[in-house]
């Protein structure tokens, strides 16, 4: 992986180039029956409502809801079809969570019009009852296919998938959470049953592709990108997956300099991306769908967006 500073610099340059070219590309593509889909994503924001303080730290002036909202608004003004997604750990990390228990975070995401999110381990930090109560401020679904919340406060408050229609496209989105035993105190997740994420995600993706006819399947994952020890991660999840086109990850706070492409069990491409932590980066992936091709995903690129604020 490249250095974090070079990573941010490359993202800034890419952003300018792509925005300048979009107007011309959109006209040409529309005439050819090609459709674009822009996916924006975050992970591990950890209650970072304001930018990092100007204290001399390496993240000073980065992140913050205001800068992210402005960038999202700008992208939506230029692109017809946009999905905004989050891969978990919405909560914990600043006094906003300590005082307001997640209300501010949920209201901010609702204001930015997130389409969907999944849960991370820190979203359990004040218990399931708290997370469930904060969903009153969310205007987006929580997607999880490998947690069984029966007989908990989260029962019937999450869903295994959602299908989004963008133009003529059908995009199926699901989510998987990490094993909580040993990571989250038993009292905080209660009767939640952890199910095999690979099996459940594959079952869900199979349904979305074969039964619902989705053009693309996205999985929001809080498994973590990669580990030295033998445990499930986005890397081995991608290799064991089927019918999943894109995994947007979290948990390990990994700044990937570019999306990583793996081969699944059938030899098809699975793209994995993760954009660090703290809301420093708004991940952007642009996909092109051509009507003539059996597999509609033609290409992709990743644009990393960060905004420094002045003192």
C-alpha atoms as a PDB file:
ATOM      1  CA  UNK A   1       0.000   0.000   0.000  1.00  0.00           C
ATOM      2  CA  UNK A   2       1.144   3.557  -0.700  1.00  0.00           C
ATOM      3  CA  UNK A   3       1.639   6.211   1.966  1.00  0.00           C
ATOM      4  CA  UNK A   4      -1.450   7.818   3.423  1.00  0.00           C
ATOM      5  CA  UNK A   5      -0.405  11.317   2.259  1.00  0.00           C
ATOM      6  CA  UNK A   6       0.208  10.151  -1.315  1.00  0.00           C
ATOM      7  CA  UNK A   7      -3.098   8.264  -1.165  1.00  0.00           C
ATOM      8  CA  UNK A   8      -5.022  11.461  -0.326  1.00  0.00           C
ATOM      9  CA  UNK A   9      -3.121  13.447  -2.965  1.00  0.00           C
ATOM     10  CA  UNK A  10      -3.917  10.923  -5.698  1.00  0.00           C
ATOM     11  CA  UNK A  11      -7.579  10.987  -4.712  1.00  0.00           C
ATOM     12  CA  UNK A  12      -7.752  14.777  -4.969  1.00  0.00           C
ATOM     13  CA  UNK A  13      -6.241  14.749  -8.458  1.00  0.00           C
ATOM     14  CA  UNK A  14      -8.558  11.967  -9.605  1.00  0.00           C
ATOM     15  CA  UNK A  15     -11.610  13.824  -8.337  1.00  0.00           C
ATOM     16  CA  UNK A  16     -10.877  16.888 -10.440  1.00  0.00           C
ATOM     17  CA  UNK A  17     -10.250  14.863 -13.593  1.00  0.00           C
ATOM     18  CA  UNK A  18     -13.399  12.790 -13.280  1.00  0.00           C
ATOM     19  CA  UNK A  19     -15.743  15.685 -12.539  1.00  0.00           C
ATOM     20  CA  UNK A  20     -14.409  17.618 -15.562  1.00  0.00           C
ATOM     21  CA  UNK A  21     -15.007  14.675 -17.901  1.00  0.00           C
ATOM     22  CA  UNK A  22     -18.400  13.549 -16.609  1.00  0.00           C
ATOM     23  CA  UNK A  23     -20.558  15.996 -18.554  1.00  0.00           C
ATOM     24  CA  UNK A  24     -19.198  14.870 -21.937  1.00  0.00           C
ATOM     25  CA  UNK A  25     -19.169  11.177 -21.013  1.00  0.00           C
ATOM     26  CA  UNK A  26     -22.780  11.211 -19.824  1.00  0.00           C
ATOM     27  CA  UNK A  27     -24.041  12.545 -23.160  1.00  0.00           C
ATOM     28  CA  UNK A  28     -22.090   9.990 -25.194  1.00  0.00           C
ATOM     29  CA  UNK A  29     -23.074   7.096 -22.942  1.00  0.00           C
ATOM     30  CA  UNK A  30     -26.780   7.984 -22.957  1.00  0.00           C
ATOM     31  CA  UNK A  31     -26.804   7.886 -26.754  1.00  0.00           C
ATOM     32  CA  UNK A  32     -25.239   4.406 -26.679  1.00  0.00           C
ATOM     33  CA  UNK A  33     -27.669   3.022 -24.091  1.00  0.00           C
ATOM     34  CA  UNK A  34     -24.965   2.888 -21.442  1.00  0.00           C
ATOM     35  CA  UNK A  35     -25.794   3.650 -17.822  1.00  0.00           C
ATOM     36  CA  UNK A  36     -23.477   4.853 -15.098  1.00  0.00           C
ATOM     37  CA  UNK A  37     -23.810   4.096 -11.403  1.00  0.00           C
ATOM     38  CA  UNK A  38     -21.829   6.010  -8.791  1.00  0.00           C
ATOM     39  CA  UNK A  39     -21.373   4.353  -5.407  1.00  0.00           C
ATOM     40  CA  UNK A  40     -20.265   6.499  -2.494  1.00  0.00           C
ATOM     41  CA  UNK A  41     -19.286   4.793   0.735  1.00  0.00           C
ATOM     42  CA  UNK A  42     -17.920   5.255   4.245  1.00  0.00           C
ATOM     43  CA  UNK A  43     -16.914   2.965   7.081  1.00  0.00           C
ATOM     44  CA  UNK A  44     -15.820   3.302  10.711  1.00  0.00           C
ATOM     45  CA  UNK A  45     -16.788   6.972  10.963  1.00  0.00           C
ATOM     46  CA  UNK A  46     -16.861   6.538  14.776  1.00  0.00           C
ATOM     47  CA  UNK A  47     -19.033   9.525  15.697  1.00  0.00           C
ATOM     48  CA  UNK A  48     -16.705  11.988  13.967  1.00  0.00           C
ATOM     49  CA  UNK A  49     -19.218  14.798  13.481  1.00  0.00           C
ATOM     50  CA  UNK A  50     -16.691  17.639  13.341  1.00  0.00           C
ATOM     51  CA  UNK A  51     -13.335  17.645  11.510  1.00  0.00           C
ATOM     52  CA  UNK A  52     -10.324  16.472  13.459  1.00  0.00           C
ATOM     53  CA  UNK A  53      -9.065  19.389  15.596  1.00  0.00           C
ATOM     54  CA  UNK A  54      -6.253  21.645  14.430  1.00  0.00           C
ATOM     55  CA  UNK A  55      -3.842  20.288  17.010  1.00  0.00           C
ATOM     56  CA  UNK A  56      -0.875  19.394  14.857  1.00  0.00           C
ATOM     57  CA  UNK A  57      -1.991  15.789  14.408  1.00  0.00           C
ATOM     58  CA  UNK A  58      -1.759  14.092  11.037  1.00  0.00           C
ATOM     59  CA  UNK A  59      -5.557  14.149  10.599  1.00  0.00           C
ATOM     60  CA  UNK A  60      -6.063  17.794  11.578  1.00  0.00           C
ATOM     61  CA  UNK A  61      -8.805  19.503   9.595  1.00  0.00           C
ATOM     62  CA  UNK A  62      -9.892  16.280   7.905  1.00  0.00           C
ATOM     63  CA  UNK A  63     -13.307  14.638   8.008  1.00  0.00           C
ATOM     64  CA  UNK A  64     -16.452  16.121   9.461  1.00  0.00           C
ATOM     65  CA  UNK A  65     -20.087  15.912   8.447  1.00  0.00           C
ATOM     66  CA  UNK A  66     -20.233  19.351   6.794  1.00  0.00           C
ATOM     67  CA  UNK A  67     -17.435  18.628   4.318  1.00  0.00           C
ATOM     68  CA  UNK A  68     -18.791  15.178   3.507  1.00  0.00           C
ATOM     69  CA  UNK A  69     -22.327  16.483   2.985  1.00  0.00           C
ATOM     70  CA  UNK A  70     -21.056  19.202   0.651  1.00  0.00           C
ATOM     71  CA  UNK A  71     -19.123  16.694  -1.442  1.00  0.00           C
ATOM     72  CA  UNK A  72     -22.052  14.284  -1.618  1.00  0.00           C
ATOM     73  CA  UNK A  73     -24.347  17.099  -2.730  1.00  0.00           C
ATOM     74  CA  UNK A  74     -21.860  18.116  -5.424  1.00  0.00           C
ATOM     75  CA  UNK A  75     -21.584  14.576  -6.790  1.00  0.00           C
ATOM     76  CA  UNK A  76     -25.341  14.058  -6.799  1.00  0.00           C
ATOM     77  CA  UNK A  77     -25.758  17.273  -8.767  1.00  0.00           C
ATOM     78  CA  UNK A  78     -23.537  15.859 -11.528  1.00  0.00           C
ATOM     79  CA  UNK A  79     -24.555  12.182 -11.545  1.00  0.00           C
ATOM     80  CA  UNK A  80     -28.016  10.774 -12.237  1.00  0.00           C
ATOM     81  CA  UNK A  81     -27.663   7.505 -10.333  1.00  0.00           C
ATOM     82  CA  UNK A  82     -25.917   7.512  -6.942  1.00  0.00           C
ATOM     83  CA  UNK A  83     -25.939   5.081  -4.004  1.00  0.00           C
ATOM     84  CA  UNK A  84     -24.589   6.188  -0.606  1.00  0.00           C
ATOM     85  CA  UNK A  85     -23.671   3.324   1.751  1.00  0.00           C
ATOM     86  CA  UNK A  86     -21.935   2.728   5.099  1.00  0.00           C
ATOM     87  CA  UNK A  87     -20.152  -0.415   6.336  1.00  0.00           C
ATOM     88  CA  UNK A  88     -20.598  -0.002  10.091  1.00  0.00           C
ATOM     89  CA  UNK A  89     -19.070   1.374  13.287  1.00  0.00           C
ATOM     90  CA  UNK A  90     -21.199   4.472  13.029  1.00  0.00           C
ATOM     91  CA  UNK A  91     -20.912   4.954  16.815  1.00  0.00           C
ATOM     92  CA  UNK A  92     -18.181   5.497  19.433  1.00  0.00           C
ATOM     93  CA  UNK A  93     -15.148   7.749  19.366  1.00  0.00           C
ATOM     94  CA  UNK A  94     -16.147  11.315  20.284  1.00  0.00           C
ATOM     95  CA  UNK A  95     -18.176  13.007  23.052  1.00  0.00           C
ATOM     96  CA  UNK A  96     -21.126  13.250  20.655  1.00  0.00           C
ATOM     97  CA  UNK A  97     -21.743   9.555  21.221  1.00  0.00           C
ATOM     98  CA  UNK A  98     -21.095   9.744  24.958  1.00  0.00           C
ATOM     99  CA  UNK A  99     -23.667  12.511  25.428  1.00  0.00           C
ATOM    100  CA  UNK A 100     -26.270  11.782  22.726  1.00  0.00           C
ATOM    101  CA  UNK A 101     -25.926   7.991  22.362  1.00  0.00           C
ATOM    102  CA  UNK A 102     -26.037   7.970  18.562  1.00  0.00           C
ATOM    103  CA  UNK A 103     -28.856  10.415  17.868  1.00  0.00           C
ATOM    104  CA  UNK A 104     -26.563  12.975  16.221  1.00  0.00           C
ATOM    105  CA  UNK A 105     -24.893  10.376  14.007  1.00  0.00           C
ATOM    106  CA  UNK A 106     -28.194   8.951  12.781  1.00  0.00           C
ATOM    107  CA  UNK A 107     -29.674  12.387  12.126  1.00  0.00           C
ATOM    108  CA  UNK A 108     -26.569  13.407  10.179  1.00  0.00           C
ATOM    109  CA  UNK A 109     -26.690  10.280   8.008  1.00  0.00           C
ATOM    110  CA  UNK A 110     -30.400  10.778   7.407  1.00  0.00           C
ATOM    111  CA  UNK A 111     -29.757  14.390   6.372  1.00  0.00           C
ATOM    112  CA  UNK A 112     -27.091  13.216   3.906  1.00  0.00           C
ATOM    113  CA  UNK A 113     -29.638  10.701   2.571  1.00  0.00           C
ATOM    114  CA  UNK A 114     -27.696   7.501   3.100  1.00  0.00           C
ATOM    115  CA  UNK A 115     -29.374   4.658   1.229  1.00  0.00           C
ATOM    116  CA  UNK A 116     -28.314   1.869   3.604  1.00  0.00           C
ATOM    117  CA  UNK A 117     -25.826   0.842   6.305  1.00  0.00           C
ATOM    118  CA  UNK A 118     -24.746  -2.238   8.194  1.00  0.00           C
ATOM    119  CA  UNK A 119     -23.716  -2.624  11.858  1.00  0.00           C
ATOM    120  CA  UNK A 120     -20.204  -2.763  13.265  1.00  0.00           C
ATOM    121  CA  UNK A 121     -19.126  -4.097  16.646  1.00  0.00           C
ATOM    122  CA  UNK A 122     -19.020  -0.592  18.185  1.00  0.00           C
ATOM    123  CA  UNK A 123     -22.641  -0.042  17.239  1.00  0.00           C
ATOM    124  CA  UNK A 124     -23.373  -2.450  20.103  1.00  0.00           C
ATOM    125  CA  UNK A 125     -21.461  -0.331  22.643  1.00  0.00           C
ATOM    126  CA  UNK A 126     -24.535   0.854  24.539  1.00  0.00           C
ATOM    127  CA  UNK A 127     -26.489  -2.320  23.867  1.00  0.00           C
ATOM    128  CA  UNK A 128     -29.053  -3.395  21.310  1.00  0.00           C
ATOM    129  CA  UNK A 129     -31.810  -1.448  23.026  1.00  0.00           C
ATOM    130  CA  UNK A 130     -29.901   1.785  22.445  1.00  0.00           C
ATOM    131  CA  UNK A 131     -29.128   1.053  18.799  1.00  0.00           C
ATOM    132  CA  UNK A 132     -32.740   0.089  18.164  1.00  0.00           C
ATOM    133  CA  UNK A 133     -33.976   3.302  19.760  1.00  0.00           C
ATOM    134  CA  UNK A 134     -31.612   5.457  17.675  1.00  0.00           C
ATOM    135  CA  UNK A 135     -33.081   3.981  14.496  1.00  0.00           C
ATOM    136  CA  UNK A 136     -36.042   6.296  15.057  1.00  0.00           C
ATOM    137  CA  UNK A 137     -33.784   9.055  13.667  1.00  0.00           C
ATOM    138  CA  UNK A 138     -32.553   7.028  10.677  1.00  0.00           C
ATOM    139  CA  UNK A 139     -34.273   7.180   7.313  1.00  0.00           C
ATOM    140  CA  UNK A 140     -32.300   4.308   5.858  1.00  0.00           C
ATOM    141  CA  UNK A 141     -32.393   0.519   6.392  1.00  0.00           C
ATOM    142  CA  UNK A 142     -29.864  -1.480   8.403  1.00  0.00           C
ATOM    143  CA  UNK A 143     -28.867  -4.481   6.289  1.00  0.00           C
ATOM    144  CA  UNK A 144     -27.622  -7.717   7.891  1.00  0.00           C
ATOM    145  CA  UNK A 145     -28.078 -11.256   6.617  1.00  0.00           C
ATOM    146  CA  UNK A 146     -25.948 -13.130   9.182  1.00  0.00           C
ATOM    147  CA  UNK A 147     -27.328 -11.845  12.507  1.00  0.00           C
ATOM    148  CA  UNK A 148     -30.506 -13.401  13.854  1.00  0.00           C
ATOM    149  CA  UNK A 149     -32.046 -10.794  16.164  1.00  0.00           C
ATOM    150  CA  UNK A 150     -34.998 -12.929  17.272  1.00  0.00           C
ATOM    151  CA  UNK A 151     -36.016 -12.141  20.868  1.00  0.00           C
ATOM    152  CA  UNK A 152     -33.871  -8.999  21.021  1.00  0.00           C
ATOM    153  CA  UNK A 153     -34.636  -5.281  20.793  1.00  0.00           C
ATOM    154  CA  UNK A 154     -33.470  -5.382  17.160  1.00  0.00           C
ATOM    155  CA  UNK A 155     -36.012  -7.998  16.091  1.00  0.00           C
ATOM    156  CA  UNK A 156     -37.724  -6.811  12.884  1.00  0.00           C
ATOM    157  CA  UNK A 157     -35.601  -3.638  12.850  1.00  0.00           C
ATOM    158  CA  UNK A 158     -33.052  -4.840  10.304  1.00  0.00           C
ATOM    159  CA  UNK A 159     -33.455  -6.603   6.979  1.00  0.00           C
ATOM    160  CA  UNK A 160     -31.253  -9.061   5.052  1.00  0.00           C
ATOM    161  CA  UNK A 161     -31.204  -7.049   1.821  1.00  0.00           C
ATOM    162  CA  UNK A 162     -32.741  -4.220  -0.126  1.00  0.00           C
ATOM    163  CA  UNK A 163     -33.105  -3.704  -3.854  1.00  0.00           C
ATOM    164  CA  UNK A 164     -32.523  -0.229  -5.257  1.00  0.00           C
ATOM    165  CA  UNK A 165     -33.721   0.781  -8.704  1.00  0.00           C
ATOM    166  CA  UNK A 166     -31.432   3.204 -10.470  1.00  0.00           C
ATOM    167  CA  UNK A 167     -32.717   3.980 -13.942  1.00  0.00           C
ATOM    168  CA  UNK A 168     -33.118   0.602 -15.624  1.00  0.00           C
ATOM    169  CA  UNK A 169     -30.750  -1.081 -13.168  1.00  0.00           C
ATOM    170  CA  UNK A 170     -31.644  -3.219 -10.155  1.00  0.00           C
ATOM    171  CA  UNK A 171     -28.956  -3.129  -7.464  1.00  0.00           C
ATOM    172  CA  UNK A 172     -29.202  -5.601  -4.596  1.00  0.00           C
ATOM    173  CA  UNK A 173     -27.470  -4.683  -1.333  1.00  0.00           C
ATOM    174  CA  UNK A 174     -26.911  -6.943   1.674  1.00  0.00           C
ATOM    175  CA  UNK A 175     -24.694  -6.782   4.761  1.00  0.00           C
ATOM    176  CA  UNK A 176     -22.629  -9.035   7.021  1.00  0.00           C
ATOM    177  CA  UNK A 177     -21.405  -8.452  10.574  1.00  0.00           C
ATOM    178  CA  UNK A 178     -18.400  -9.722  12.499  1.00  0.00           C
ATOM    179  CA  UNK A 179     -18.392 -12.487  15.148  1.00  0.00           C
ATOM    180  CA  UNK A 180     -19.193 -10.708  18.404  1.00  0.00           C
ATOM    181  CA  UNK A 181     -18.167 -13.399  20.886  1.00  0.00           C
ATOM    182  CA  UNK A 182     -14.903 -12.254  22.461  1.00  0.00           C
ATOM    183  CA  UNK A 183     -15.141  -8.856  20.778  1.00  0.00           C
ATOM    184  CA  UNK A 184     -18.357  -7.459  22.263  1.00  0.00           C
ATOM    185  CA  UNK A 185     -19.474  -8.166  25.870  1.00  0.00           C
ATOM    186  CA  UNK A 186     -22.202 -10.817  25.931  1.00  0.00           C
ATOM    187  CA  UNK A 187     -24.566  -8.473  27.738  1.00  0.00           C
ATOM    188  CA  UNK A 188     -24.490  -5.994  24.857  1.00  0.00           C
ATOM    189  CA  UNK A 189     -25.480  -8.363  22.044  1.00  0.00           C
ATOM    190  CA  UNK A 190     -27.773 -10.536  24.191  1.00  0.00           C
ATOM    191  CA  UNK A 191     -29.599 -13.259  22.271  1.00  0.00           C
ATOM    192  CA  UNK A 192     -28.244 -12.233  18.882  1.00  0.00           C
ATOM    193  CA  UNK A 193     -27.223 -15.320  16.926  1.00  0.00           C
ATOM    194  CA  UNK A 194     -24.175 -15.041  14.679  1.00  0.00           C
ATOM    195  CA  UNK A 195     -24.547 -17.025  11.445  1.00  0.00           C
ATOM    196  CA  UNK A 196     -21.847 -17.947   8.935  1.00  0.00           C
ATOM    197  CA  UNK A 197     -21.335 -14.754   6.889  1.00  0.00           C
ATOM    198  CA  UNK A 198     -20.104 -16.493   3.739  1.00  0.00           C
ATOM    199  CA  UNK A 199     -22.988 -18.944   3.642  1.00  0.00           C
ATOM    200  CA  UNK A 200     -25.667 -16.354   4.381  1.00  0.00           C
ATOM    201  CA  UNK A 201     -24.233 -13.758   1.989  1.00  0.00           C
ATOM    202  CA  UNK A 202     -23.985 -16.333  -0.799  1.00  0.00           C
ATOM    203  CA  UNK A 203     -27.573 -17.466  -0.206  1.00  0.00           C
ATOM    204  CA  UNK A 204     -28.759 -13.866  -0.293  1.00  0.00           C
ATOM    205  CA  UNK A 205     -26.717 -12.982  -3.378  1.00  0.00           C
ATOM    206  CA  UNK A 206     -27.992 -16.105  -5.171  1.00  0.00           C
ATOM    207  CA  UNK A 207     -31.562 -14.979  -4.505  1.00  0.00           C
ATOM    208  CA  UNK A 208     -30.876 -11.402  -5.596  1.00  0.00           C
ATOM    209  CA  UNK A 209     -29.216 -12.439  -8.862  1.00  0.00           C
ATOM    210  CA  UNK A 210     -31.354 -15.438  -9.864  1.00  0.00           C
ATOM    211  CA  UNK A 211     -34.783 -14.659  -8.433  1.00  0.00           C
ATOM    212  CA  UNK A 212     -34.800 -10.868  -8.411  1.00  0.00           C
ATOM    213  CA  UNK A 213     -32.666 -10.391 -11.523  1.00  0.00           C
ATOM    214  CA  UNK A 214     -30.355  -7.827  -9.978  1.00  0.00           C
ATOM    215  CA  UNK A 215     -27.753  -6.361 -12.297  1.00  0.00           C
ATOM    216  CA  UNK A 216     -25.313  -5.980  -9.415  1.00  0.00           C
ATOM    217  CA  UNK A 217     -25.011  -7.273  -5.844  1.00  0.00           C
ATOM    218  CA  UNK A 218     -23.170  -5.294  -3.175  1.00  0.00           C
ATOM    219  CA  UNK A 219     -22.260  -6.562   0.291  1.00  0.00           C
ATOM    220  CA  UNK A 220     -21.577  -4.159   3.151  1.00  0.00           C
ATOM    221  CA  UNK A 221     -19.081  -5.995   5.330  1.00  0.00           C
ATOM    222  CA  UNK A 222     -17.763  -5.330   8.811  1.00  0.00           C
ATOM    223  CA  UNK A 223     -15.566  -8.446   8.801  1.00  0.00           C
ATOM    224  CA  UNK A 224     -12.263  -6.607   8.303  1.00  0.00           C
ATOM    225  CA  UNK A 225     -10.098  -6.478   5.197  1.00  0.00           C
ATOM    226  CA  UNK A 226      -7.287  -8.951   5.986  1.00  0.00           C
ATOM    227  CA  UNK A 227      -5.692 -10.737   8.969  1.00  0.00           C
ATOM    228  CA  UNK A 228      -2.478 -12.614   9.622  1.00  0.00           C
ATOM    229  CA  UNK A 229      -4.343 -15.231  11.615  1.00  0.00           C
ATOM    230  CA  UNK A 230      -6.847 -17.647  10.120  1.00  0.00           C
ATOM    231  CA  UNK A 231     -10.153 -15.793  10.463  1.00  0.00           C
ATOM    232  CA  UNK A 232     -12.812 -14.651   8.067  1.00  0.00           C
ATOM    233  CA  UNK A 233     -11.963 -11.392   6.303  1.00  0.00           C
ATOM    234  CA  UNK A 234     -13.078  -9.601   3.163  1.00  0.00           C
ATOM    235  CA  UNK A 235     -10.169 -11.186   1.325  1.00  0.00           C
ATOM    236  CA  UNK A 236     -11.154 -14.811   1.924  1.00  0.00           C
ATOM    237  CA  UNK A 237     -14.849 -13.899   1.900  1.00  0.00           C
ATOM    238  CA  UNK A 238     -14.431 -12.581  -1.653  1.00  0.00           C
ATOM    239  CA  UNK A 239     -12.667 -15.763  -2.745  1.00  0.00           C
ATOM    240  CA  UNK A 240     -15.435 -17.950  -1.298  1.00  0.00           C
ATOM    241  CA  UNK A 241     -18.307 -15.794  -2.542  1.00  0.00           C
ATOM    242  CA  UNK A 242     -20.740 -16.260  -5.400  1.00  0.00           C
ATOM    243  CA  UNK A 243     -22.842 -13.673  -7.243  1.00  0.00           C
ATOM    244  CA  UNK A 244     -21.400 -10.793  -5.197  1.00  0.00           C
ATOM    245  CA  UNK A 245     -19.862  -8.100  -7.382  1.00  0.00           C
ATOM    246  CA  UNK A 246     -18.649  -5.615  -4.777  1.00  0.00           C
ATOM    247  CA  UNK A 247     -17.683  -5.826  -1.086  1.00  0.00           C
ATOM    248  CA  UNK A 248     -17.479  -2.513   0.783  1.00  0.00           C
ATOM    249  CA  UNK A 249     -15.618  -3.222   3.986  1.00  0.00           C
ATOM    250  CA  UNK A 250     -14.882  -1.869   7.426  1.00  0.00           C
ATOM    251  CA  UNK A 251     -13.543  -2.755  10.885  1.00  0.00           C
ATOM    252  CA  UNK A 252      -9.778  -2.843  10.176  1.00  0.00           C
ATOM    253  CA  UNK A 253      -9.575   0.893   9.308  1.00  0.00           C
ATOM    254  CA  UNK A 254      -7.702   0.019   6.125  1.00  0.00           C
ATOM    255  CA  UNK A 255      -6.849   2.813   3.678  1.00  0.00           C
ATOM    256  CA  UNK A 256      -6.724   0.941   0.372  1.00  0.00           C
ATOM    257  CA  UNK A 257      -4.965   2.988  -2.300  1.00  0.00           C
ATOM    258  CA  UNK A 258      -7.215   1.342  -4.904  1.00  0.00           C
ATOM    259  CA  UNK A 259      -9.971  -1.279  -4.899  1.00  0.00           C
ATOM    260  CA  UNK A 260      -8.644  -4.855  -4.894  1.00  0.00           C
ATOM    261  CA  UNK A 261     -10.012  -7.385  -7.381  1.00  0.00           C
ATOM    262  CA  UNK A 262     -10.308 -11.051  -6.377  1.00  0.00           C
ATOM    263  CA  UNK A 263     -11.684 -14.110  -8.163  1.00  0.00           C
ATOM    264  CA  UNK A 264     -14.678 -15.833  -6.570  1.00  0.00           C
ATOM    265  CA  UNK A 265     -15.461 -19.561  -6.588  1.00  0.00           C
ATOM    266  CA  UNK A 266     -16.682 -19.335 -10.183  1.00  0.00           C
ATOM    267  CA  UNK A 267     -13.702 -17.335 -11.404  1.00  0.00           C
ATOM    268  CA  UNK A 268     -15.628 -14.084 -11.644  1.00  0.00           C
ATOM    269  CA  UNK A 269     -14.310 -10.741 -10.405  1.00  0.00           C
ATOM    270  CA  UNK A 270     -15.178  -9.472  -6.925  1.00  0.00           C
ATOM    271  CA  UNK A 271     -14.119  -5.943  -6.068  1.00  0.00           C
ATOM    272  CA  UNK A 272     -13.206  -5.082  -2.453  1.00  0.00           C
ATOM    273  CA  UNK A 273     -12.767  -1.568  -1.130  1.00  0.00           C
ATOM    274  CA  UNK A 274     -12.338   0.091   2.270  1.00  0.00           C
ATOM    275  CA  UNK A 275     -11.686   3.758   3.065  1.00  0.00           C
ATOM    276  CA  UNK A 276      -9.939   3.952   6.431  1.00  0.00           C
ATOM    277  CA  UNK A 277     -11.805   5.499   9.345  1.00  0.00           C
ATOM    278  CA  UNK A 278     -13.050   8.719  10.958  1.00  0.00           C
ATOM    279  CA  UNK A 279     -14.857  10.018   7.888  1.00  0.00           C
ATOM    280  CA  UNK A 280     -11.533  11.175   6.434  1.00  0.00           C
ATOM    281  CA  UNK A 281     -12.342   9.603   3.083  1.00  0.00           C
ATOM    282  CA  UNK A 282     -15.547   9.389   1.088  1.00  0.00           C
ATOM    283  CA  UNK A 283     -15.045   6.432  -1.199  1.00  0.00           C
ATOM    284  CA  UNK A 284     -16.274   6.728  -4.770  1.00  0.00           C
ATOM    285  CA  UNK A 285     -16.651   3.952  -7.318  1.00  0.00           C
ATOM    286  CA  UNK A 286     -18.094   4.565 -10.791  1.00  0.00           C
ATOM    287  CA  UNK A 287     -19.513   1.647 -12.725  1.00  0.00           C
ATOM    288  CA  UNK A 288     -20.607   1.476 -16.352  1.00  0.00           C
ATOM    289  CA  UNK A 289     -23.302  -0.928 -17.534  1.00  0.00           C
ATOM    290  CA  UNK A 290     -23.556  -1.755 -21.223  1.00  0.00           C
ATOM    291  CA  UNK A 291     -26.796  -3.300 -22.546  1.00  0.00           C
ATOM    292  CA  UNK A 292     -25.016  -5.643 -24.964  1.00  0.00           C
ATOM    293  CA  UNK A 293     -22.854  -7.471 -22.420  1.00  0.00           C
ATOM    294  CA  UNK A 294     -23.938 -10.521 -20.447  1.00  0.00           C
ATOM    295  CA  UNK A 295     -22.011  -9.249 -17.421  1.00  0.00           C
ATOM    296  CA  UNK A 296     -22.980  -5.601 -17.261  1.00  0.00           C
ATOM    297  CA  UNK A 297     -20.104  -4.419 -15.082  1.00  0.00           C
ATOM    298  CA  UNK A 298     -17.597  -3.089 -17.618  1.00  0.00           C
ATOM    299  CA  UNK A 299     -15.102  -1.137 -15.518  1.00  0.00           C
ATOM    300  CA  UNK A 300     -14.514   0.835 -12.400  1.00  0.00           C
ATOM    301  CA  UNK A 301     -12.315   3.408 -10.774  1.00  0.00           C
ATOM    302  CA  UNK A 302     -11.998   4.669  -7.226  1.00  0.00           C
ATOM    303  CA  UNK A 303     -12.002   8.344  -6.312  1.00  0.00           C
ATOM    304  CA  UNK A 304     -10.943   9.235  -2.792  1.00  0.00           C
ATOM    305  CA  UNK A 305     -12.346  12.499  -1.465  1.00  0.00           C
ATOM    306  CA  UNK A 306     -10.982  14.416   1.533  1.00  0.00           C
ATOM    307  CA  UNK A 307     -11.442  18.031   2.475  1.00  0.00           C
ATOM    308  CA  UNK A 308      -9.242  20.050   4.798  1.00  0.00           C
ATOM    309  CA  UNK A 309     -10.927  22.809   6.700  1.00  0.00           C
ATOM    310  CA  UNK A 310      -9.149  26.016   7.696  1.00  0.00           C
ATOM    311  CA  UNK A 311      -8.302  26.924  11.255  1.00  0.00           C
END
